[in-house]
Amino acid sequence: MNKTIVTEAKLFLRDPAGPIFAILLPLALLLGLGSIPDFQEASPELGGQRVIDTQLPGMMVILSVVTMALTALPAVLVTYRESGVLRRMSTTPVGPARLLVAQVVNNLAVAVVATVLLIVLGGLVLGVAAPRSPLAFAGVFLLGTASMFGLGLLIAAVAPSAKVAPGIGSLLMFPLMFMSGMWVPRELLPDLARRIGDFLPMAPFAQALRDTWAGHAPQPLHLAVMAVTVLVTGLLAARLFRWE
């Protein structure tokens, strides 16, 4: 398994555009938007807190994770299926399942690196405090990331081609981001949009990150939605995935 992960990591880094994009874009947005004076002032709509403290860090983490989970991961797996890599590996002792695990591990590593950089540079440059409940934050990060990767694996299972896979991911990503408060803080969204978002995986992920970042316990409903997403998408992906 370790050799498979290392091999896939080398292939992963031969085309670094995806990982670099997933790391640098959220970081650039955090530093760029965080330098806007209005985002550094206390907002009554956010309970007297700054946008840079309550909104941007968690949303940039979400952006990094979903970029890898909903676009990069499905595209690579569908490409492997189209080119016959998965079929050929099914006849070897390695097996295609190990390749799937290696891909998930490599994409997770990129998301972790991006998150660490966001926390460190956000604190050094913008004065954003680190998560006040680091263990709870880490747990929410892993659970939410697993739910996003579950969606990515499901996309890889049903996408008919490598060209279509990123498009499906984008179609899912942008409305889910809207519901999670990426473009407008969730406090300013209509009640109906917030209620719908609470039962979709990305908004609970974003809110739970915000809660643990501020030192609060995540809401049980949000944890349940993410856990159910992991279970349902995992089962569907396993049932629908085609090796060739």
Protein backbone atom coordinates (compact mmCIF):
# COMPACT_ATOMS: atom_id res chain seq x y z
CA MET A 1 0.00 0.00 0.00
CA ASN A 2 2.81 2.44 0.88
CA LYS A 3 4.46 1.89 -2.50
CA THR A 4 1.16 2.53 -4.25
CA ILE A 5 0.67 5.78 -2.34
CA VAL A 6 4.23 6.93 -3.13
CA THR A 7 3.87 6.03 -6.79
CA GLU A 8 0.57 7.85 -7.10
CA ALA A 9 2.04 10.83 -5.26
CA LYS A 10 4.86 11.05 -7.82
CA LEU A 11 2.34 10.90 -10.67
CA PHE A 12 0.21 13.42 -8.80
CA LEU A 13 3.09 15.89 -8.61
CA ARG A 14 4.10 15.53 -12.26
CA ASP A 15 1.13 17.75 -13.05
CA PRO A 16 1.17 20.09 -10.04
CA ALA A 17 -1.42 22.52 -11.44
CA GLY A 18 -4.28 20.93 -9.50
CA PRO A 19 -2.56 20.74 -6.09
CA ILE A 20 -1.04 24.21 -6.48
CA PHE A 21 -4.43 25.65 -7.44
CA ALA A 22 -6.10 24.00 -4.45
CA ILE A 23 -3.46 25.42 -2.12
CA LEU A 24 -2.73 28.86 -3.56
CA LEU A 25 -6.22 29.97 -4.61
CA PRO A 26 -7.78 29.74 -1.12
CA LEU A 27 -4.65 31.28 0.38
CA ALA A 28 -4.66 34.17 -2.10
CA LEU A 29 -8.37 34.76 -1.51
CA LEU A 30 -7.94 34.72 2.25
CA LEU A 31 -5.05 37.20 2.19
CA GLY A 32 -6.64 39.34 -0.53
CA LEU A 33 -10.13 39.54 0.91
CA GLY A 34 -8.77 39.72 4.44
CA SER A 35 -6.93 42.92 3.56
CA ILE A 36 -10.20 44.69 2.70
CA PRO A 37 -10.88 47.20 5.51
CA ASP A 38 -14.60 46.35 5.76
CA PHE A 39 -13.77 42.69 6.44
CA GLN A 40 -11.57 43.73 9.36
CA GLU A 41 -14.29 45.72 11.08
CA ALA A 42 -16.84 44.33 13.54
CA SER A 43 -20.17 43.51 11.88
CA PRO A 44 -23.51 43.75 13.75
CA GLU A 45 -24.91 40.98 11.52
CA LEU A 46 -22.16 38.67 12.81
CA GLY A 47 -22.69 39.46 16.46
CA GLY A 48 -20.04 42.15 16.57
CA GLN A 49 -17.31 39.91 15.14
CA ARG A 50 -15.11 40.49 12.11
CA VAL A 51 -15.75 38.78 8.79
CA ILE A 52 -12.08 37.84 8.66
CA ASP A 53 -12.47 35.93 11.93
CA THR A 54 -15.86 34.28 11.45
CA GLN A 55 -16.31 33.73 7.72
CA LEU A 56 -13.21 33.69 5.57
CA PRO A 57 -10.92 31.10 7.22
CA GLY A 58 -13.47 28.30 7.28
CA MET A 59 -14.71 29.09 3.79
CA MET A 60 -11.19 28.99 2.39
CA VAL A 61 -10.71 25.56 3.98
CA ILE A 62 -13.95 24.45 2.33
CA LEU A 63 -12.77 25.80 -1.04
CA SER A 64 -9.52 23.86 -0.83
CA VAL A 65 -11.24 20.61 0.13
CA VAL A 66 -14.00 20.76 -2.47
CA THR A 67 -11.58 21.70 -5.24
CA MET A 68 -9.73 18.43 -4.68
CA ALA A 69 -12.77 16.32 -3.83
CA LEU A 70 -15.27 17.35 -6.50
CA THR A 71 -13.04 18.14 -9.47
CA ALA A 72 -9.52 16.71 -9.18
CA LEU A 73 -10.30 13.31 -7.64
CA PRO A 74 -13.16 12.32 -9.99
CA ALA A 75 -11.26 13.46 -13.09
CA VAL A 76 -8.23 11.30 -12.27
CA LEU A 77 -10.24 8.20 -11.42
CA VAL A 78 -12.42 8.42 -14.54
CA THR A 79 -9.29 8.97 -16.65
CA TYR A 80 -7.78 5.82 -15.15
CA ARG A 81 -10.94 3.90 -15.99
CA GLU A 82 -11.08 5.22 -19.56
CA SER A 83 -7.43 4.42 -20.21
CA GLY A 84 -7.80 0.88 -18.86
CA VAL A 85 -5.52 1.39 -15.85
CA LEU A 86 -8.11 0.11 -13.36
CA ARG A 87 -8.91 -2.91 -15.51
CA ARG A 88 -5.25 -3.85 -15.86
CA MET A 89 -4.62 -3.38 -12.13
CA SER A 90 -7.49 -5.76 -11.35
CA THR A 91 -5.35 -8.58 -12.73
CA THR A 92 -2.37 -7.75 -10.48
CA PRO A 93 -1.79 -8.37 -6.75
CA VAL A 94 -1.99 -4.62 -6.16
CA GLY A 95 -5.64 -4.34 -7.17
CA PRO A 96 -7.50 -1.17 -8.20
CA ALA A 97 -8.90 -0.59 -4.70
CA ARG A 98 -5.44 0.32 -3.45
CA LEU A 99 -5.17 2.90 -6.18
CA LEU A 100 -8.42 4.47 -4.99
CA VAL A 101 -7.09 4.62 -1.45
CA ALA A 102 -3.82 6.15 -2.67
CA GLN A 103 -5.71 8.83 -4.59
CA VAL A 104 -7.82 9.72 -1.58
CA VAL A 105 -4.72 9.88 0.66
CA ASN A 106 -2.87 12.17 -1.76
CA ASN A 107 -5.84 14.50 -2.18
CA LEU A 108 -6.33 14.57 1.58
CA ALA A 109 -2.66 15.48 2.03
CA VAL A 110 -3.10 18.49 -0.26
CA ALA A 111 -6.17 19.62 1.68
CA VAL A 112 -4.28 19.28 4.99
CA VAL A 113 -1.31 21.29 3.68
CA ALA A 114 -3.66 24.01 2.42
CA THR A 115 -5.47 24.14 5.76
CA VAL A 116 -2.27 24.38 7.79
CA LEU A 117 -1.00 27.20 5.57
CA LEU A 118 -4.31 29.03 5.88
CA ILE A 119 -4.18 28.83 9.67
CA VAL A 120 -0.51 29.82 9.94
CA LEU A 121 -0.43 32.63 7.38
CA GLY A 122 -3.87 33.88 8.37
CA GLY A 123 -2.54 34.33 11.89
CA LEU A 124 0.80 35.84 10.90
CA VAL A 125 -0.48 38.24 8.23
CA LEU A 126 -4.06 39.02 9.25
CA GLY A 127 -4.04 38.30 12.97
CA VAL A 128 -6.68 35.57 12.69
CA ALA A 129 -6.69 33.43 15.81
CA ALA A 130 -6.00 29.71 15.41
CA PRO A 131 -8.89 27.30 16.07
CA ARG A 132 -9.73 27.48 19.75
CA SER A 133 -10.81 23.84 19.85
CA PRO A 134 -8.08 22.24 17.74
CA LEU A 135 -9.06 18.62 18.36
CA ALA A 136 -12.72 19.27 17.60
CA PHE A 137 -11.67 21.30 14.55
CA ALA A 138 -9.51 18.41 13.32
CA GLY A 139 -12.36 15.95 13.83
CA VAL A 140 -14.81 18.16 11.94
CA PHE A 141 -12.24 18.67 9.20
CA LEU A 142 -11.78 14.92 8.72
CA LEU A 143 -15.51 14.17 8.84
CA GLY A 144 -16.41 16.99 6.48
CA THR A 145 -13.57 16.11 4.12
CA ALA A 146 -14.74 12.50 4.09
CA SER A 147 -18.23 13.67 3.12
CA MET A 148 -16.81 15.74 0.26
CA PHE A 149 -14.61 12.88 -0.92
CA GLY A 150 -17.65 10.61 -0.77
CA LEU A 151 -19.38 12.94 -3.21
CA GLY A 152 -16.25 12.94 -5.37
CA LEU A 153 -16.12 9.14 -5.48
CA LEU A 154 -19.81 9.05 -6.37
CA ILE A 155 -19.16 11.46 -9.24
CA ALA A 156 -16.31 9.20 -10.41
CA ALA A 157 -18.69 6.24 -10.26
CA VAL A 158 -21.37 7.77 -12.48
CA ALA A 159 -19.44 10.17 -14.76
CA PRO A 160 -19.37 8.80 -18.32
CA SER A 161 -16.04 10.41 -19.22
CA ALA A 162 -13.09 12.31 -17.79
CA LYS A 163 -14.25 15.49 -19.56
CA VAL A 164 -17.68 15.30 -17.95
CA ALA A 165 -16.53 14.50 -14.39
CA PRO A 166 -15.20 17.99 -13.50
CA GLY A 167 -18.35 19.54 -14.97
CA ILE A 168 -20.56 17.44 -12.71
CA GLY A 169 -18.36 18.43 -9.77
CA SER A 170 -18.69 22.11 -10.63
CA LEU A 171 -22.47 21.83 -10.99
CA LEU A 172 -22.59 20.46 -7.46
CA MET A 173 -19.91 22.70 -6.02
CA PHE A 174 -21.26 26.17 -6.76
CA PRO A 175 -24.81 25.81 -5.39
CA LEU A 176 -23.49 23.94 -2.36
CA MET A 177 -20.98 26.74 -1.76
CA PHE A 178 -23.76 29.31 -1.98
CA MET A 179 -25.81 27.43 0.62
CA SER A 180 -22.76 27.19 2.87
CA GLY A 181 -22.16 30.96 2.87
CA MET A 182 -19.23 31.13 0.48
CA TRP A 183 -20.51 34.14 -1.45
CA VAL A 184 -22.80 35.66 1.20
CA PRO A 185 -22.56 34.99 4.97
CA ARG A 186 -25.14 32.39 5.97
CA GLU A 187 -26.60 34.86 8.47
CA LEU A 188 -27.66 37.03 5.53
CA LEU A 189 -29.20 34.23 3.45
CA PRO A 190 -32.99 33.76 3.32
CA ASP A 191 -34.35 31.42 5.98
CA LEU A 192 -35.36 28.84 3.38
CA ALA A 193 -31.85 28.75 1.90
CA ARG A 194 -30.32 28.27 5.36
CA ARG A 195 -32.74 25.48 6.23
CA ILE A 196 -32.07 23.64 2.98
CA GLY A 197 -28.35 24.13 3.46
CA ASP A 198 -28.48 22.55 6.91
CA PHE A 199 -29.37 19.22 5.30
CA LEU A 200 -26.74 19.37 2.56
CA PRO A 201 -23.18 18.35 3.45
CA MET A 202 -21.23 21.51 2.69
CA ALA A 203 -23.15 24.01 4.85
CA PRO A 204 -22.91 21.78 7.97
CA PHE A 205 -19.19 21.34 7.21
CA ALA A 206 -18.67 25.10 6.99
CA GLN A 207 -20.72 25.88 10.09
CA ALA A 208 -19.04 23.17 12.15
CA LEU A 209 -15.63 24.53 11.14
CA ARG A 210 -16.72 28.00 12.23
CA ASP A 211 -18.08 26.68 15.51
CA THR A 212 -14.94 24.77 16.45
CA TRP A 213 -12.73 27.63 15.23
CA ALA A 214 -14.52 29.88 17.71
CA GLY A 215 -14.23 27.29 20.48
CA HIS A 216 -17.88 26.15 20.40
CA ALA A 217 -19.17 22.61 20.08
CA PRO A 218 -20.46 21.70 16.60
CA GLN A 219 -24.19 21.19 16.31
CA PRO A 220 -25.28 17.51 16.43
CA LEU A 221 -27.44 17.99 13.34
CA HIS A 222 -24.45 19.13 11.31
CA LEU A 223 -22.33 16.19 12.46
CA ALA A 224 -25.18 13.82 11.64
CA VAL A 225 -25.64 15.24 8.14
CA MET A 226 -21.94 14.84 7.36
CA ALA A 227 -21.85 11.31 8.77
CA VAL A 228 -24.92 10.27 6.79
CA THR A 229 -23.38 11.77 3.65
CA VAL A 230 -20.23 9.69 4.16
CA LEU A 231 -22.30 6.54 4.61
CA VAL A 232 -24.73 7.10 1.72
CA THR A 233 -22.20 8.31 -0.83
CA GLY A 234 -19.76 5.58 0.15
CA LEU A 235 -22.36 2.85 -0.32
CA LEU A 236 -23.62 4.29 -3.61
CA ALA A 237 -20.09 4.80 -4.96
CA ALA A 238 -19.14 1.23 -4.07
CA ARG A 239 -22.30 -0.13 -5.71
CA LEU A 240 -22.11 1.98 -8.88
CA PHE A 241 -18.35 2.20 -9.45
CA ARG A 242 -17.13 0.53 -12.64
CA TRP A 243 -13.53 -0.63 -12.99
CA GLU A 244 -13.76 -0.60 -16.80
